[in-house]
């Protein structure tokens, strides 16, 4: 009975509210795999775009009716992975070490 109600719910597997987030977990998986690669291979522009994309869709998932918690969790996860990747890229480019060098010289 519970499975049948889930199957026919507004966010069940018969809707894009279900399959959209399932497909978006691919971004999270790809980001997690990329954490094992050297930071020189990270595209700062693309990672920044992915951060903005996930932030916008977190808001969408919260505002859409019915509220899409599966999409929200997916984009929170992707935002976390992409921010980590962005920090790795920034460190490799010298953006985050500059402040430490300035503080040490004062």
Protein backbone atom coordinates (compact mmCIF):
# COMPACT_ATOMS: atom_id res chain seq x y z
CA UNK A 1 0.00 0.00 0.00
CA UNK A 2 2.79 2.46 0.89
CA UNK A 3 4.66 1.59 -2.29
CA UNK A 4 1.53 2.18 -4.38
CA UNK A 5 0.98 5.61 -2.82
CA UNK A 6 4.65 6.49 -3.46
CA UNK A 7 4.36 5.23 -7.04
CA UNK A 8 1.37 7.51 -7.70
CA UNK A 9 2.51 10.50 -5.61
CA UNK A 10 3.34 13.90 -7.19
CA UNK A 11 7.05 13.21 -6.64
CA UNK A 12 7.00 9.50 -7.42
CA UNK A 13 8.80 7.57 -10.16
CA UNK A 14 6.13 8.42 -12.72
CA UNK A 15 7.18 12.09 -12.67
CA UNK A 16 10.10 14.29 -13.62
CA UNK A 17 10.22 15.36 -9.95
CA UNK A 18 11.76 11.94 -9.36
CA UNK A 19 13.81 11.24 -12.49
CA UNK A 20 15.34 14.72 -12.75
CA UNK A 21 17.13 14.44 -9.39
CA UNK A 22 18.12 10.84 -10.11
CA UNK A 23 19.86 12.01 -13.29
CA UNK A 24 21.47 14.94 -11.44
CA UNK A 25 23.22 12.56 -9.03
CA UNK A 26 25.57 11.96 -11.97
CA UNK A 27 27.04 15.43 -11.36
CA UNK A 28 27.73 14.53 -7.74
CA UNK A 29 29.31 11.20 -8.70
CA UNK A 30 31.50 12.85 -11.34
CA UNK A 31 32.60 15.52 -8.86
CA UNK A 32 33.52 12.90 -6.30
CA UNK A 33 35.56 10.97 -8.86
CA UNK A 34 37.31 14.22 -9.85
CA UNK A 35 38.51 14.78 -6.28
CA UNK A 36 41.09 12.07 -6.95
CA UNK A 37 42.55 13.92 -9.95
CA UNK A 38 45.30 16.54 -9.70
CA UNK A 39 44.00 20.09 -9.12
CA UNK A 40 45.74 21.27 -12.31
CA UNK A 41 43.05 19.42 -14.27
CA UNK A 42 40.18 21.38 -12.65
CA UNK A 43 38.50 24.05 -14.75
CA UNK A 44 37.89 27.04 -12.49
CA UNK A 45 35.27 28.44 -14.87
CA UNK A 46 33.28 25.22 -15.14
CA UNK A 47 33.46 24.54 -11.42
CA UNK A 48 32.22 28.06 -10.72
CA UNK A 49 29.34 27.55 -13.14
CA UNK A 50 28.44 24.28 -11.43
CA UNK A 51 28.39 26.08 -8.05
CA UNK A 52 26.00 28.72 -9.40
CA UNK A 53 23.87 26.07 -11.13
CA UNK A 54 23.47 24.05 -7.95
CA UNK A 55 22.74 27.13 -5.84
CA UNK A 56 19.98 28.19 -8.24
CA UNK A 57 18.44 24.74 -8.35
CA UNK A 58 18.57 24.42 -4.56
CA UNK A 59 16.25 27.43 -4.46
CA UNK A 60 14.09 25.98 -7.23
CA UNK A 61 13.77 22.65 -5.40
CA UNK A 62 12.69 24.49 -2.26
CA UNK A 63 10.17 26.76 -3.99
CA UNK A 64 8.52 24.34 -6.44
CA UNK A 65 5.24 22.74 -5.38
CA UNK A 66 5.28 20.01 -4.32
CA UNK A 67 8.59 20.72 -2.60
CA UNK A 68 11.24 18.49 -4.13
CA UNK A 69 13.48 17.28 -1.29
CA UNK A 70 15.25 14.73 -3.49
CA UNK A 71 16.38 17.50 -5.85
CA UNK A 72 17.33 19.72 -2.92
CA UNK A 73 19.56 17.06 -1.34
CA UNK A 74 21.12 16.32 -4.72
CA UNK A 75 22.08 19.96 -5.29
CA UNK A 76 23.26 20.49 -1.72
CA UNK A 77 25.57 17.52 -2.27
CA UNK A 78 26.74 18.85 -5.62
CA UNK A 79 27.32 22.32 -4.17
CA UNK A 80 29.50 20.80 -1.45
CA UNK A 81 31.55 18.76 -3.91
CA UNK A 82 31.96 21.69 -6.32
CA UNK A 83 32.97 24.12 -3.57
CA UNK A 84 35.60 21.62 -2.45
CA UNK A 85 36.83 21.35 -6.04
CA UNK A 86 36.85 25.15 -6.36
CA UNK A 87 38.96 25.41 -3.19
CA UNK A 88 41.41 22.82 -4.59
CA UNK A 89 41.64 24.81 -7.82
CA UNK A 90 42.11 28.12 -5.98
CA UNK A 91 44.89 26.64 -3.83
CA UNK A 92 46.65 25.26 -6.91
CA UNK A 93 46.42 28.67 -8.59
CA UNK A 94 47.83 30.40 -5.50
CA UNK A 95 44.67 32.32 -4.62
CA UNK A 96 44.27 30.91 -1.10
CA UNK A 97 47.95 30.83 -0.12
CA UNK A 98 48.46 34.52 -0.84
CA UNK A 99 46.76 35.65 2.39
CA UNK A 100 48.90 33.29 4.47
CA UNK A 101 52.05 34.71 2.85
CA UNK A 102 50.91 38.30 3.55
CA UNK A 103 50.06 37.48 7.18
CA UNK A 104 53.45 35.79 7.70
CA UNK A 105 55.34 38.80 6.32
CA UNK A 106 53.65 41.29 8.68
